Protein backbone atom coordinates (compact mmCIF):
# COMPACT_ATOMS: atom_id res chain seq x y z
CA MET A 1 -15.23 -6.55 9.25
CA ASP A 2 -13.45 -7.28 12.55
CA LEU A 3 -10.17 -9.19 12.28
CA ASN A 4 -8.93 -11.72 14.81
CA LEU A 5 -5.99 -9.80 16.28
CA ALA A 6 -6.00 -11.32 19.79
CA PRO A 7 -3.38 -14.02 19.03
CA LEU A 8 -1.14 -11.42 17.39
CA LEU A 9 -1.31 -9.07 20.38
CA ALA A 10 -0.49 -11.97 22.73
CA ASP A 11 2.58 -13.04 20.73
CA PRO A 12 5.91 -12.48 22.60
CA LEU A 13 8.57 -10.51 20.74
CA PRO A 14 11.89 -12.38 20.57
CA LEU A 15 15.33 -11.12 21.51
CA GLY A 16 16.94 -9.49 18.49
CA THR A 17 13.76 -7.88 17.13
CA LYS A 18 15.00 -4.71 15.45
CA GLY A 19 14.05 -1.63 17.45
CA LEU A 20 13.12 -3.60 20.60
CA PRO A 21 15.21 -2.99 23.75
CA PRO A 22 17.05 -6.26 24.54
CA ARG A 23 15.76 -6.16 28.11
CA ALA A 24 12.20 -6.04 26.74
CA ALA A 25 12.49 -9.36 24.87
CA GLY A 26 9.49 -11.53 25.70
CA LEU A 27 7.03 -8.65 25.94
CA THR A 28 3.91 -9.24 23.94
CA LEU A 29 2.90 -6.90 21.16
CA GLY A 30 -0.12 -5.87 23.21
CA GLN A 31 2.10 -4.78 26.13
CA ILE A 32 4.24 -2.35 24.12
CA GLY A 33 1.96 0.65 24.63
CA SER A 34 2.02 0.37 28.44
CA GLN A 35 5.82 0.54 28.86
CA GLY A 36 5.99 4.35 28.99
CA TRP A 37 8.71 4.52 26.32
CA ASN A 38 9.55 7.69 24.44
CA VAL A 39 11.64 7.86 21.28
CA LEU A 40 13.34 11.14 22.22
CA ARG A 41 14.36 10.10 25.76
CA GLY A 42 16.75 7.43 24.50
CA GLU A 43 14.63 4.50 25.69
CA LEU A 44 14.70 2.59 22.41
CA PRO A 45 17.67 1.23 20.44
CA LEU A 46 17.86 3.27 17.26
CA PRO A 47 17.17 3.12 14.40
CA VAL A 48 13.44 2.73 14.85
CA ALA A 49 10.51 3.17 12.48
CA VAL A 50 7.52 5.07 13.85
CA LEU A 51 3.97 5.73 12.73
CA LYS A 52 2.44 9.01 13.88
CA GLU A 53 -1.06 8.47 15.25
CA GLU A 54 -2.35 11.90 14.32
CA ALA A 55 -1.36 11.47 10.67
CA LEU A 56 -2.80 7.94 10.47
CA ALA A 57 -6.15 9.10 11.85
CA HIS A 58 -6.19 12.11 9.53
CA ASN A 59 -5.43 10.03 6.41
CA LEU A 60 -8.05 7.41 7.26
CA ARG A 61 -10.69 10.12 7.67
CA VAL A 62 -9.72 12.03 4.51
CA MET A 63 -9.73 8.92 2.32
CA ARG A 64 -13.04 7.72 3.71
CA THR A 65 -14.57 11.11 2.89
CA PHE A 66 -13.08 11.02 -0.62
CA ALA A 67 -14.49 7.55 -1.28
CA ALA A 68 -17.94 8.61 -0.13
CA SER A 69 -17.86 11.76 -2.27
CA THR A 70 -16.95 9.78 -5.40
CA ARG A 71 -19.15 6.76 -4.60
CA ALA A 72 -16.06 4.55 -4.76
CA ARG A 73 -15.22 1.52 -2.67
CA LEU A 74 -11.79 1.16 -1.08
CA ALA A 75 -9.76 -2.05 -1.29
CA PRO A 76 -6.40 -0.84 0.06
CA HIS A 77 -3.38 -2.76 -1.17
CA GLY A 78 -2.15 -4.61 1.89
CA LYS A 79 1.31 -5.21 0.39
CA THR A 80 2.18 -1.66 1.45
CA THR A 81 2.25 -2.51 5.14
CA MET A 82 1.51 -6.25 5.47
CA SER A 83 0.19 -5.41 8.94
CA PRO A 84 -3.13 -6.90 10.09
CA GLN A 85 -3.39 -4.17 12.71
CA LEU A 86 -3.28 -1.51 10.01
CA PHE A 87 -5.67 -3.55 7.85
CA GLN A 88 -8.10 -3.41 10.77
CA MET A 89 -7.83 0.38 10.89
CA GLN A 90 -8.57 0.61 7.17
CA LEU A 91 -11.51 -1.79 7.37
CA ALA A 92 -12.90 0.04 10.39
CA HIS A 93 -12.79 3.26 8.34
CA GLY A 94 -14.87 1.97 5.48
CA ALA A 95 -12.63 -0.25 3.37
CA TRP A 96 -14.80 -2.69 1.42
CA ALA A 97 -12.02 -5.25 0.86
CA MET A 98 -8.25 -5.67 1.00
CA THR A 99 -6.08 -6.07 -2.09
CA ALA A 100 -3.36 -8.73 -2.27
CA ALA A 101 -0.52 -9.33 -4.73
CA THR A 102 0.32 -12.99 -4.04
CA VAL A 103 -1.32 -16.09 -2.64
CA SER A 104 0.96 -15.77 0.40
CA HIS A 105 -0.70 -12.42 1.04
CA VAL A 106 -4.11 -14.04 0.62
CA ALA A 107 -3.18 -16.75 3.13
CA LEU A 108 -2.05 -14.16 5.68
CA TYR A 109 -5.22 -12.11 5.22
CA ARG A 110 -7.30 -15.25 5.69
CA ARG A 111 -5.34 -16.17 8.83
CA PHE A 112 -6.57 -12.97 10.46
CA GLY A 113 -10.09 -13.12 9.02
CA VAL A 114 -10.21 -10.88 5.94
CA SER A 115 -13.34 -12.08 4.15
CA ARG A 116 -13.20 -10.13 0.86
CA ILE A 117 -9.98 -9.96 -1.18
CA LEU A 118 -9.08 -8.54 -4.58
CA LEU A 119 -6.03 -10.44 -5.83
CA ALA A 120 -4.49 -7.90 -8.20
CA ASN A 121 -2.64 -10.57 -10.14
CA GLN A 122 -3.38 -13.64 -12.18
CA LEU A 123 -3.57 -17.08 -10.60
CA VAL A 124 -1.23 -19.37 -12.56
CA ASP A 125 0.64 -21.31 -9.85
CA PRO A 126 -1.09 -24.69 -9.24
CA VAL A 127 -0.44 -24.46 -5.48
CA ALA A 128 -1.99 -20.98 -5.38
CA ILE A 129 -5.02 -22.09 -7.41
CA GLU A 130 -5.63 -25.07 -5.14
CA TYR A 131 -5.36 -22.92 -2.02
CA VAL A 132 -7.90 -20.42 -3.31
CA LEU A 133 -10.31 -23.19 -4.33
CA ASP A 134 -9.87 -24.79 -0.89
CA GLU A 135 -10.72 -21.51 0.85
CA LEU A 136 -13.77 -20.88 -1.33
CA GLU A 137 -15.12 -24.32 -0.49
CA ARG A 138 -14.23 -24.07 3.19
CA ASP A 139 -15.82 -20.68 3.81
CA PRO A 140 -19.05 -19.74 1.99
CA GLU A 141 -18.60 -16.13 3.17
CA PHE A 142 -15.19 -15.74 1.54
CA GLU A 143 -15.12 -13.62 -1.64
CA LEU A 144 -12.16 -13.35 -3.98
CA LEU A 145 -11.67 -11.53 -7.28
CA SER A 146 -8.60 -12.24 -9.42
CA LEU A 147 -7.39 -11.18 -12.86
CA ALA A 148 -7.17 -12.69 -16.34
CA ASP A 149 -5.40 -11.63 -19.53
CA SER A 150 -5.06 -14.86 -21.54
CA ARG A 151 -6.95 -17.96 -22.65
CA GLU A 152 -4.13 -20.07 -21.23
CA GLY A 153 -4.54 -18.53 -17.80
CA VAL A 154 -8.31 -18.88 -17.84
CA ASP A 155 -8.06 -22.50 -18.96
CA ARG A 156 -5.74 -23.32 -16.04
CA LEU A 157 -8.36 -21.98 -13.65
CA SER A 158 -11.26 -23.68 -15.41
CA CYS A 159 -9.53 -27.07 -15.51
CA ALA A 160 -8.53 -26.89 -11.84
CA SER A 161 -12.05 -25.97 -10.80
CA VAL A 162 -13.67 -28.70 -12.89
CA ARG A 163 -11.13 -31.35 -11.86
CA ARG A 164 -11.95 -30.96 -8.19
CA GLY A 165 -15.67 -30.45 -8.70
CA SER A 166 -15.74 -26.97 -7.18
CA THR A 167 -19.19 -25.60 -6.51
CA ARG A 168 -18.12 -21.93 -6.51
CA PRO A 169 -16.77 -20.48 -9.78
CA LEU A 170 -13.66 -18.33 -9.64
CA GLN A 171 -14.55 -14.65 -10.07
CA LEU A 172 -12.45 -12.84 -12.68
CA LEU A 173 -11.73 -9.32 -13.87
CA LEU A 174 -10.30 -8.71 -17.34
CA GLU A 175 -6.94 -7.00 -16.96
CA ALA A 176 -6.43 -4.04 -19.27
CA GLY A 177 -2.82 -3.24 -20.15
CA ALA A 178 -0.93 -0.86 -22.38
CA PRO A 179 1.84 -1.23 -24.98
CA GLY A 180 5.18 -1.35 -23.23
CA GLY A 181 3.45 -1.75 -19.89
CA ARG A 182 3.20 -4.73 -17.61
CA THR A 183 0.56 -7.45 -17.76
CA GLY A 184 -2.89 -6.99 -19.29
CA LEU A 185 -4.57 -7.10 -22.68
CA ARG A 186 -3.54 -4.29 -25.00
CA THR A 187 -6.72 -3.73 -27.03
CA VAL A 188 -10.45 -3.75 -26.48
CA ASP A 189 -10.89 -6.44 -29.14
CA GLU A 190 -8.50 -8.74 -27.23
CA MET A 191 -10.46 -8.12 -24.04
CA ILE A 192 -13.77 -8.93 -25.68
CA ALA A 193 -12.35 -12.12 -27.20
CA LEU A 194 -11.18 -13.28 -23.78
CA ALA A 195 -14.53 -12.35 -22.23
CA ARG A 196 -16.25 -14.59 -24.79
CA HIS A 197 -13.89 -17.41 -23.86
CA ILE A 198 -14.54 -16.99 -20.14
CA LYS A 199 -18.26 -17.25 -20.76
CA SER A 200 -17.75 -20.45 -22.77
CA VAL A 201 -15.84 -22.49 -20.16
CA PRO A 202 -16.97 -23.84 -16.76
CA GLY A 203 -15.64 -22.92 -13.33
CA VAL A 204 -15.05 -19.20 -13.97
CA GLU A 205 -17.21 -16.08 -14.16
CA LEU A 206 -16.49 -12.58 -15.45
CA ARG A 207 -17.24 -9.72 -13.06
CA GLY A 208 -15.70 -6.71 -14.77
CA VAL A 209 -12.48 -4.93 -15.77
CA GLU A 210 -9.30 -3.98 -13.93
CA ALA A 211 -6.09 -2.06 -14.62
CA PHE A 212 -3.09 -0.70 -12.77
CA GLU A 213 -2.36 2.71 -14.19
CA GLY A 214 0.55 3.28 -11.82
CA VAL A 215 3.08 1.69 -14.17
CA LEU A 216 2.34 4.36 -16.80
CA SER A 217 3.56 7.91 -16.91
CA SER A 218 0.84 10.47 -16.20
CA SER A 219 2.72 13.23 -18.01
CA GLY A 220 1.03 15.11 -20.78
CA ASN A 221 -2.01 17.30 -21.16
CA PRO A 222 -4.71 16.07 -18.70
CA ARG A 223 -7.29 16.64 -21.42
CA GLY A 224 -5.21 15.33 -24.28
CA ASP A 225 -2.45 12.84 -24.96
CA ASN A 226 -1.98 10.95 -21.72
CA PRO A 227 -1.25 7.21 -21.41
CA VAL A 228 -3.22 6.92 -18.18
CA ARG A 229 -6.26 8.57 -19.70
CA ALA A 230 -5.93 6.34 -22.78
CA LEU A 231 -5.92 3.24 -20.58
CA LEU A 232 -8.99 4.39 -18.67
CA ASP A 233 -10.74 5.15 -21.95
CA ARG A 234 -10.07 1.60 -23.13
CA MET A 235 -11.56 0.29 -19.91
CA LYS A 236 -14.72 2.32 -20.50
CA GLN A 237 -14.97 1.14 -24.11
CA CYS A 238 -14.53 -2.46 -23.00
CA ILE A 239 -17.22 -2.16 -20.34
CA ALA A 240 -19.69 -0.74 -22.86
CA ARG A 241 -19.10 -3.67 -25.21
CA LEU A 242 -19.26 -6.24 -22.41
CA GLU A 243 -22.70 -4.93 -21.51
CA GLU A 244 -23.82 -4.74 -25.13
CA LEU A 245 -22.78 -8.37 -25.73
CA ASP A 246 -24.05 -9.65 -22.37
CA LEU A 247 -20.67 -11.13 -21.41
CA LEU A 248 -20.77 -10.34 -17.70
CA ALA A 249 -22.04 -12.85 -15.16
CA PRO A 250 -25.18 -11.94 -13.21
CA GLY A 251 -24.58 -10.21 -9.90
CA ARG A 252 -21.78 -7.93 -8.75
CA ARG A 253 -20.03 -5.83 -11.40
CA VAL A 254 -16.63 -4.31 -10.70
CA VAL A 255 -14.29 -1.84 -12.35
CA SER A 256 -11.03 -1.30 -10.51
CA ALA A 257 -7.89 0.80 -10.79
CA GLY A 258 -6.36 3.54 -8.73
CA GLY A 259 -2.85 3.23 -7.38
CA SER A 260 -1.68 5.64 -4.71
CA ALA A 261 -0.64 8.42 -7.09
CA LEU A 262 -3.62 8.70 -9.45
CA PHE A 263 -6.77 7.60 -7.63
CA GLU A 264 -8.40 11.02 -8.07
CA CYS A 265 -8.04 10.78 -11.85
CA VAL A 266 -9.42 7.22 -11.79
CA ALA A 267 -12.40 8.20 -9.67
CA HIS A 268 -13.17 11.06 -12.05
CA GLU A 269 -12.89 8.94 -15.18
CA LEU A 270 -14.58 5.75 -14.00
CA GLY A 271 -16.86 6.91 -11.21
CA ALA A 272 -19.75 7.84 -13.50
CA LEU A 273 -20.13 4.43 -15.13
CA GLU A 274 -23.69 3.24 -15.39
CA GLY A 275 -24.89 -0.34 -15.17
CA GLY A 276 -24.42 -0.89 -11.46
CA PHE A 277 -20.63 -1.08 -11.45
CA ASP A 278 -18.72 -0.86 -8.18
CA LEU A 279 -15.66 1.37 -8.66
CA VAL A 280 -12.92 -0.13 -6.47
CA LEU A 281 -9.84 1.97 -5.69
CA ARG A 282 -6.77 0.10 -4.46
CA SER A 283 -4.45 2.77 -3.05
CA GLY A 284 -2.35 1.35 -0.22
CA CYS A 285 0.05 4.20 0.47
CA TYR A 286 -2.65 6.74 1.34
CA LEU A 287 -2.48 5.46 4.93
CA THR A 288 1.05 6.72 5.58
CA LEU A 289 1.93 8.75 2.47
CA ASP A 290 5.68 9.60 2.42
CA HIS A 291 8.07 12.54 2.03
CA GLY A 292 8.96 11.75 -1.59
CA LEU A 293 7.33 9.79 -4.41
CA TYR A 294 3.68 9.97 -3.36
CA LEU A 295 3.84 13.37 -1.72
CA ARG A 296 5.18 14.82 -4.99
CA ALA A 297 2.59 12.95 -7.03
CA LEU A 298 -0.35 14.22 -5.00
CA GLU A 299 1.00 17.77 -5.13
CA ASP A 300 1.37 17.63 -8.94
CA PRO A 301 -1.48 19.69 -10.44
CA SER A 302 -1.24 17.87 -13.79
CA ARG A 303 -2.17 14.45 -12.37
CA ALA A 304 -5.92 14.79 -12.86
CA ASP A 305 -8.55 16.70 -14.79
CA PRO A 306 -9.20 20.08 -13.16
CA ALA A 307 -12.86 19.08 -12.83
CA ALA A 308 -12.03 15.95 -10.82
CA VAL A 309 -13.16 15.57 -7.23
CA ARG A 310 -10.13 16.22 -5.05
CA LEU A 311 -9.24 15.26 -1.52
CA THR A 312 -10.88 17.60 0.95
CA GLU A 313 -7.55 17.95 2.81
CA ALA A 314 -3.99 16.97 1.97
CA LEU A 315 -2.79 13.62 3.23
CA MET A 316 -0.05 13.71 5.87
CA PRO A 317 3.21 11.73 6.01
CA ALA A 318 2.96 9.30 8.93
CA LEU A 319 6.06 7.10 8.59
CA GLU A 320 9.45 8.21 9.94
CA ILE A 321 12.84 6.64 10.67
CA TRP A 322 14.78 7.90 13.70
CA ALA A 323 18.54 7.30 13.95
CA HIS A 324 21.56 8.56 15.85
CA VAL A 325 24.39 10.55 14.38
CA GLN A 326 27.27 8.09 14.68
CA SER A 327 30.09 10.34 13.48
CA ARG A 328 30.84 13.85 12.24
CA PRO A 329 34.21 13.08 10.56
CA GLU A 330 34.19 16.24 8.44
CA ARG A 331 32.52 19.63 8.87
CA GLU A 332 30.19 18.99 5.93
CA LEU A 333 29.74 15.25 6.51
CA ALA A 334 27.81 13.39 9.17
CA ILE A 335 27.16 9.64 9.31
CA ALA A 336 23.81 8.46 10.63
CA ALA A 337 23.42 4.92 11.96
CA PHE A 338 20.82 3.58 9.53
CA GLY A 339 20.92 2.49 5.92
CA LYS A 340 19.54 0.34 3.12
CA ARG A 341 18.48 -2.32 5.61
CA ASP A 342 16.20 0.21 7.30
CA ALA A 343 14.79 2.60 4.71
CA SER A 344 13.59 2.57 1.11
CA HIS A 345 15.94 3.90 -1.54
CA ASP A 346 14.38 2.59 -4.77
CA ALA A 347 12.37 5.76 -5.37
CA GLY A 348 14.59 8.40 -3.80
CA LEU A 349 16.87 8.66 -0.79
CA PRO A 350 15.55 9.41 2.70
CA VAL A 351 15.08 13.05 3.63
CA PRO A 352 16.28 14.58 6.94
CA ILE A 353 13.35 16.50 8.39
CA ALA A 354 14.19 17.11 12.07
CA TRP A 355 16.87 16.68 14.72
CA PHE A 356 16.87 16.47 18.50
CA ARG A 357 19.49 16.79 21.23
CA PRO A 358 18.41 15.85 24.76
CA GLY A 359 19.01 18.76 27.12
CA MET A 360 19.11 21.24 24.26
CA HIS A 361 15.69 20.83 22.67
CA SER A 362 12.24 20.50 24.16
CA LYS A 363 10.94 19.17 20.85
CA PRO A 364 12.51 18.23 17.50
CA ALA A 365 13.91 21.13 15.46
CA ALA A 366 13.52 21.40 11.71
CA LEU A 367 16.33 20.09 9.52
CA GLY A 368 15.46 21.10 5.98
CA PRO A 369 17.34 20.61 2.70
CA ASP A 370 19.24 23.87 3.20
CA LEU A 371 20.83 22.35 6.31
CA ALA A 372 21.27 18.66 5.52
CA SER A 373 20.61 16.06 2.84
CA VAL A 374 21.29 12.34 2.39
CA THR A 375 23.73 11.74 -0.44
CA ALA A 376 24.27 7.97 -0.18
CA LEU A 377 23.35 4.86 1.81
CA ASN A 378 25.34 1.79 2.80
CA ASP A 379 23.69 -1.21 4.43
CA GLN A 380 23.81 0.37 7.91
CA HIS A 381 25.08 3.92 7.33
CA ALA A 382 23.70 7.08 5.79
CA TYR A 383 25.92 9.89 4.44
CA LEU A 384 24.60 13.36 5.27
CA LYS A 385 25.89 16.48 3.59
CA VAL A 386 25.58 19.03 6.40
CA ASN A 387 25.86 22.80 6.46
CA SER A 388 29.34 23.39 7.92
CA ASP A 389 27.96 25.74 10.58
CA HIS A 390 25.26 23.36 11.82
CA PRO A 391 25.88 22.01 15.34
CA LEU A 392 24.77 18.44 14.53
CA ALA A 393 27.04 16.12 16.53
CA THR A 394 27.63 12.50 17.48
CA GLY A 395 24.74 11.20 19.59
CA ASP A 396 22.13 13.60 18.24
CA LEU A 397 18.88 12.09 16.98
CA VAL A 398 17.79 12.72 13.39
CA CYS A 399 14.34 12.08 11.94
CA PHE A 400 14.15 10.96 8.31
CA GLY A 401 11.22 10.91 5.94
CA ILE A 402 11.22 8.24 3.24
CA SER A 403 10.09 7.84 -0.34
CA HIS A 404 7.92 4.80 -1.19
CA PRO A 405 6.47 3.30 2.00
CA CYS A 406 6.21 -0.25 0.59
CA THR A 407 9.96 -0.79 0.60
CA THR A 408 10.44 0.65 4.08
CA PHE A 409 7.73 -1.38 5.81
CA ASP A 410 9.27 -4.60 4.48
CA LYS A 411 12.46 -3.87 6.44
CA TRP A 412 10.74 -3.83 9.83
CA GLN A 413 8.99 -6.56 11.80
CA LEU A 414 8.15 -4.05 14.52
CA LEU A 415 7.21 -0.39 14.15
CA TYR A 416 6.11 1.89 16.96
CA ARG A 417 2.90 3.90 17.03
CA VAL A 418 3.64 7.31 18.61
CA ASN A 419 1.72 10.41 19.65
CA ALA A 420 2.72 14.01 18.95
CA ASP A 421 5.32 13.92 21.76
CA TYR A 422 6.81 10.66 20.46
CA ASP A 423 5.47 8.66 23.39
CA VAL A 424 5.11 5.04 22.28
CA THR A 425 1.43 4.09 22.37
CA GLY A 426 1.67 0.68 20.74
CA GLY A 427 3.56 -1.71 18.52
CA ILE A 428 2.72 -2.63 14.91
CA ARG A 429 3.80 -6.00 13.46
CA THR A 430 4.40 -6.70 9.81
CA PHE A 431 4.51 -10.03 7.94
CA PHE A 432 6.86 -9.84 4.96
């Protein structure tokens, strides 16, 4: 699936774009990689967000291999990056579809030519329903799956489809939930009752079952009491009854789960389903990983059954924030010139991982937790507790890893793609 990126690459970047040198305003996105810029030479106004090419390529390859080994299909959640350029990388490395969270996401994906979308939410907004029905009628090649967990929701879709005389039924997945969780039906009996209803009304068809296990704790014995395992078991029970009662529409059958922390467990539990089901994994953060939430999750040995197929190699963090030290007002305190407007903080504070002083270093030097740590963030400032003997000084560059990529990407319209020497090889646009 090749996306239409030419208009994006030809789009001039306006003055005031965060991370863009003011003198470079008006450059197109496609011209960024030919400017000869380097992050460490002081040629960009910090802070900047960078994506390391080597790590991106590694993660794309590792996840493609994992999907092939588990016979799963990938539908990466595009809300992580909201970058059509990164979508293209994922599609070029075997992604079967892209996942969206809102109809605005769907509209952006369609703008750039994504032809198969899993909307991991329920369509209830009349404007959203009409847009999806418009797109299905406009483009016979467009495929969309969305979710259902109530008769009321299904009836809204059915009535809208019938009212406009749509010729293509909306394709639905039953959403399985858990007590105390988010959306989704709590029991198998509720799921079967809704499946019967879907089959009884026009304009909609049932394709399978979906869940998002990421909102549940994975703690507990992998072989015993575990809310994630219980949810996946309910999905399997539901699928067996759907087949027994002939409640699925003819054609494609889908079972989908697999956030960025637990996709190995999902692949192990759901990958062996019979009946021609496509297992669709929706991890979005595998592309960049992080230095916090997801790195810890993937290193946690209790997250999956020991017999599960594992990644052949560890994923690599690809997303970094670079900022200057603005002040060293106390021996054990440094202030870096970035903050909540630049980096995620909802799932852990940024982590200092390297520092660089032009004229002193030939490459960044390690800056581990024994030397420095972020203790607090303001909108534009970060407080670093620093070892009193460390030479970190005003004007030095510090590299920060983040926790939870989704809420860092949404703070940047422009990120830089860099090689191992931090030469800028291209620009990446986001659309939040």
